[in-house]
Amino acid sequence: MNVSDAIKSRMTVRQFLDKPVPLETLREILEISKRAPSGGNLQPWTVHVVTGEALKSLIRDVEDKLKRGVNEEPEYNVYPPDLIEPYRTRRRIVGQQLYDLIGVPRSDTPGKLKQLARNFRFFDAPVGLFFVLHRQMEIGQYADVGMFMENIMLLAREYGLDTCPQEAWARWPQTLKSHLSLSDDEILFCGMALGYRDEEAVINELVSERESFENFVTLHGF
């Protein structure tokens, strides 16, 4: 698969098959992905790969806390407060497209919360990845981690796998600190589900819109 095909076929998958991913495949993807650029070659990322009983234990813990109404304070805002246009509309549209696709009406708040909670099952993916940084790191290093994650998502396509990047996991910093044995100097940035896409799942038919070239590119000197 060439790079263009990997980019075009990458999507946020929200339903995976119950099919394990070989450790050797995971190792190869992460080994190649580490060639991502980082300012000063800091390579600021640390990755925790979770599967098997460790994954099930985490899922059970979060599901129990959700049932009991337990909440944790995120350590950063996934979205800016009072999101301005056009970003607010883009977020609203893709959210509504998702719920329309799976038959959850706009007024069905419990249905929306149920779908949101599926994040914390990794959408049934067999592998969860967590990306962690040292607290000293700043915005430039978060960008570095994003490029590293993009390498993983594109390489997954080459191996016949799919992914779902999940900043939703930022809602559970203390739970993840416990399960991943994170130090006080570390901060969880993002999770990612990885596995084989369920081709028959309706929810995986969602293809989010992208702006036209003219709307996000300003040409100088051409």
Protein backbone atom coordinates (compact mmCIF):
# COMPACT_ATOMS: atom_id res chain seq x y z
CA MET A 1 0.00 0.00 0.00
CA ASN A 2 1.42 3.41 -0.93
CA VAL A 3 1.22 6.44 1.35
CA SER A 4 -1.62 8.08 -0.59
CA ASP A 5 -3.80 4.99 -0.29
CA ALA A 6 -3.04 4.71 3.43
CA ILE A 7 -4.07 8.33 4.00
CA LYS A 8 -7.24 8.02 1.93
CA SER A 9 -8.31 4.75 3.57
CA ARG A 10 -7.54 5.79 7.15
CA MET A 11 -10.69 6.44 9.10
CA THR A 12 -11.90 6.54 12.68
CA VAL A 13 -13.23 3.03 13.26
CA ARG A 14 -15.83 2.59 16.00
CA GLN A 15 -16.44 -1.14 15.80
CA PHE A 16 -13.72 -3.79 15.65
CA LEU A 17 -13.68 -7.55 15.22
CA ASP A 18 -12.82 -9.93 18.04
CA LYS A 19 -9.56 -10.90 16.37
CA PRO A 20 -6.18 -10.64 18.10
CA VAL A 21 -3.29 -8.63 16.68
CA PRO A 22 0.06 -10.47 16.75
CA LEU A 23 2.71 -8.98 19.02
CA GLU A 24 5.21 -9.04 16.15
CA THR A 25 2.88 -6.88 14.06
CA LEU A 26 2.55 -4.36 16.89
CA ARG A 27 6.30 -4.32 17.37
CA GLU A 28 6.94 -3.68 13.67
CA ILE A 29 4.40 -0.85 13.53
CA LEU A 30 5.86 0.88 16.58
CA GLU A 31 9.46 0.33 15.49
CA ILE A 32 8.82 1.95 12.12
CA SER A 33 6.61 4.71 13.56
CA LYS A 34 9.38 5.91 15.88
CA ARG A 35 10.97 7.55 12.81
CA ALA A 36 8.43 10.35 13.26
CA PRO A 37 10.08 13.79 13.50
CA SER A 38 10.46 15.54 16.84
CA GLY A 39 12.06 18.89 17.61
CA GLY A 40 15.60 18.41 18.89
CA ASN A 41 15.06 14.66 18.48
CA LEU A 42 13.43 14.65 21.92
CA GLN A 43 11.19 11.71 20.98
CA PRO A 44 8.89 12.83 23.82
CA TRP A 45 6.47 9.94 23.58
CA THR A 46 6.04 6.89 25.76
CA VAL A 47 3.56 4.23 24.63
CA HIS A 48 1.67 1.75 26.79
CA VAL A 49 0.21 -1.15 24.80
CA VAL A 50 -2.63 -2.95 26.57
CA THR A 51 -4.35 -6.19 25.60
CA GLY A 52 -5.68 -9.40 27.11
CA GLU A 53 -6.52 -9.43 30.81
CA ALA A 54 -4.89 -6.03 31.38
CA LEU A 55 -7.29 -4.53 28.82
CA LYS A 56 -10.31 -6.31 30.32
CA SER A 57 -9.38 -5.16 33.81
CA LEU A 58 -9.22 -1.53 32.71
CA ILE A 59 -12.56 -1.80 30.89
CA ARG A 60 -14.23 -3.36 33.94
CA ASP A 61 -12.87 -0.64 36.20
CA VAL A 62 -14.12 2.22 34.04
CA GLU A 63 -17.51 0.58 33.46
CA ASP A 64 -17.94 0.15 37.21
CA LYS A 65 -17.10 3.82 37.79
CA LEU A 66 -19.53 4.92 35.09
CA LYS A 67 -22.31 2.87 36.73
CA ARG A 68 -21.56 4.49 40.08
CA GLY A 69 -21.47 7.97 38.57
CA VAL A 70 -17.79 8.48 39.33
CA ASN A 71 -16.06 11.29 37.42
CA GLU A 72 -12.43 12.36 37.25
CA GLU A 73 -11.08 15.79 36.39
CA PRO A 74 -9.31 15.85 32.99
CA GLU A 75 -5.84 17.38 33.04
CA TYR A 76 -6.39 19.36 29.85
CA ASN A 77 -9.26 20.53 27.66
CA VAL A 78 -9.80 18.17 24.73
CA TYR A 79 -11.69 21.02 23.03
CA PRO A 80 -11.31 24.73 23.80
CA PRO A 81 -14.08 26.19 25.97
CA ASP A 82 -16.59 28.22 23.96
CA LEU A 83 -15.41 26.78 20.66
CA ILE A 84 -15.71 29.41 17.92
CA GLU A 85 -16.89 29.04 14.33
CA PRO A 86 -16.34 27.29 11.99
CA TYR A 87 -15.00 24.66 14.39
CA ARG A 88 -18.12 24.45 16.54
CA THR A 89 -20.28 23.70 13.48
CA ARG A 90 -17.85 21.09 12.16
CA ARG A 91 -17.95 19.28 15.48
CA ARG A 92 -21.75 19.45 15.65
CA ILE A 93 -22.19 18.16 12.10
CA VAL A 94 -19.94 15.12 12.45
CA GLY A 95 -21.53 14.26 15.78
CA GLN A 96 -25.02 14.44 14.32
CA GLN A 97 -23.96 12.39 11.29
CA LEU A 98 -22.71 9.68 13.64
CA TYR A 99 -25.88 9.54 15.70
CA ASP A 100 -28.12 9.67 12.62
CA LEU A 101 -26.22 6.72 11.17
CA ILE A 102 -26.80 4.53 14.23
CA GLY A 103 -30.38 5.69 14.76
CA VAL A 104 -29.94 7.79 17.89
CA PRO A 105 -32.29 10.82 17.78
CA ARG A 106 -31.02 14.28 18.71
CA SER A 107 -33.19 14.21 21.86
CA ASP A 108 -31.92 10.80 23.04
CA THR A 109 -29.32 11.88 25.59
CA PRO A 110 -29.04 8.41 27.22
CA GLY A 111 -28.42 6.90 23.77
CA LYS A 112 -25.66 9.40 23.08
CA LEU A 113 -24.04 8.72 26.45
CA LYS A 114 -24.20 4.97 25.79
CA GLN A 115 -22.35 5.45 22.51
CA LEU A 116 -19.82 7.74 24.19
CA ALA A 117 -19.17 5.05 26.81
CA ARG A 118 -18.15 2.63 24.05
CA ASN A 119 -14.93 4.63 23.83
CA PHE A 120 -14.01 3.03 27.12
CA ARG A 121 -14.38 -0.44 25.64
CA PHE A 122 -12.06 0.59 22.80
CA PHE A 123 -15.02 -0.17 20.52
CA ASP A 124 -14.21 -3.87 21.13
CA ALA A 125 -10.72 -3.54 19.64
CA PRO A 126 -8.26 -6.15 20.96
CA VAL A 127 -5.50 -3.58 21.58
CA GLY A 128 -5.45 -0.24 23.35
CA LEU A 129 -2.53 2.16 23.12
CA PHE A 130 -1.89 5.07 25.47
CA PHE A 131 0.44 7.97 24.70
CA VAL A 132 2.17 9.59 27.65
CA LEU A 133 4.50 12.58 28.00
CA HIS A 134 6.64 14.04 30.74
CA ARG A 135 4.90 17.00 32.37
CA GLN A 136 7.76 19.29 31.41
CA MET A 137 6.78 19.00 27.75
CA GLU A 138 4.90 21.80 26.01
CA ILE A 139 2.84 22.41 22.88
CA GLY A 140 5.67 21.60 20.46
CA GLN A 141 6.13 18.16 21.98
CA TYR A 142 2.40 17.46 21.83
CA ALA A 143 2.65 18.13 18.09
CA ASP A 144 5.54 15.63 17.93
CA VAL A 145 3.38 12.98 19.59
CA GLY A 146 0.60 13.71 17.10
CA MET A 147 2.97 13.01 14.21
CA PHE A 148 4.10 9.79 15.88
CA MET A 149 0.47 8.73 16.28
CA GLU A 150 -0.25 9.51 12.63
CA ASN A 151 2.61 7.21 11.61
CA ILE A 152 1.00 4.44 13.64
CA MET A 153 -2.42 5.01 12.09
CA LEU A 154 -1.08 4.99 8.53
CA LEU A 155 1.15 1.96 9.08
CA ALA A 156 -1.82 0.13 10.57
CA ARG A 157 -3.50 0.41 7.17
CA GLU A 158 -0.49 -1.26 5.52
CA TYR A 159 -0.94 -4.21 7.88
CA GLY A 160 -4.68 -4.45 7.21
CA LEU A 161 -5.53 -2.85 10.55
CA ASP A 162 -7.53 0.19 11.58
CA THR A 163 -7.48 2.61 14.47
CA CYS A 164 -9.51 5.08 16.48
CA PRO A 165 -7.60 7.90 18.20
CA GLN A 166 -9.32 8.56 21.53
CA GLU A 167 -8.76 11.75 23.46
CA ALA A 168 -11.85 10.68 25.41
CA TRP A 169 -9.47 8.74 27.68
CA ALA A 170 -8.25 12.08 29.04
CA ARG A 171 -11.37 11.88 31.24
CA TRP A 172 -9.77 9.13 33.35
CA PRO A 173 -6.31 10.38 34.41
CA GLN A 174 -6.29 8.81 37.88
CA THR A 175 -7.66 5.47 36.69
CA LEU A 176 -5.06 5.24 33.96
CA LYS A 177 -2.31 6.36 36.30
CA SER A 178 -3.17 3.34 38.44
CA HIS A 179 -3.54 0.79 35.65
CA LEU A 180 -0.45 1.94 33.72
CA SER A 181 1.69 2.65 36.81
CA LEU A 182 2.36 6.22 35.66
CA SER A 183 4.55 8.45 37.78
CA ASP A 184 3.55 11.89 39.04
CA ASP A 185 5.85 13.34 36.36
CA GLU A 186 3.82 11.80 33.53
CA ILE A 187 0.64 12.99 31.86
CA LEU A 188 -1.67 10.94 29.70
CA PHE A 189 -2.31 12.60 26.35
CA CYS A 190 -4.44 10.21 24.33
CA GLY A 191 -5.60 6.66 23.80
CA MET A 192 -5.98 4.70 20.58
CA ALA A 193 -7.96 1.59 19.69
CA LEU A 194 -6.25 -0.73 17.21
CA GLY A 195 -7.51 -3.85 15.51
CA TYR A 196 -9.38 -5.24 12.53
CA ARG A 197 -12.34 -3.21 11.25
CA ASP A 198 -15.80 -4.75 11.37
CA GLU A 199 -16.78 -4.22 7.74
CA GLU A 200 -20.44 -5.02 8.45
CA ALA A 201 -20.91 -2.46 11.23
CA VAL A 202 -23.09 0.44 10.11
CA ILE A 203 -21.20 2.87 12.31
CA ASN A 204 -18.07 2.32 10.21
CA GLU A 205 -19.81 3.78 7.18
CA LEU A 206 -19.27 7.30 8.50
CA VAL A 207 -16.82 9.28 6.39
CA SER A 208 -16.30 12.73 7.89
CA GLU A 209 -16.24 15.74 5.60
CA ARG A 210 -13.14 17.75 4.74
CA GLU A 211 -12.91 21.37 3.67
CA SER A 212 -12.07 22.27 0.08
CA PHE A 213 -8.53 23.32 -0.84
CA GLU A 214 -9.62 26.95 -1.19
CA ASN A 215 -11.03 27.03 2.33
CA PHE A 216 -7.89 26.05 4.21
CA VAL A 217 -4.97 27.00 1.91
CA THR A 218 -3.60 30.50 1.31
CA LEU A 219 -1.09 30.67 -1.54
CA HIS A 220 1.78 33.17 -1.49
CA GLY A 221 4.01 33.93 -4.46
CA PHE A 222 2.37 31.53 -6.93
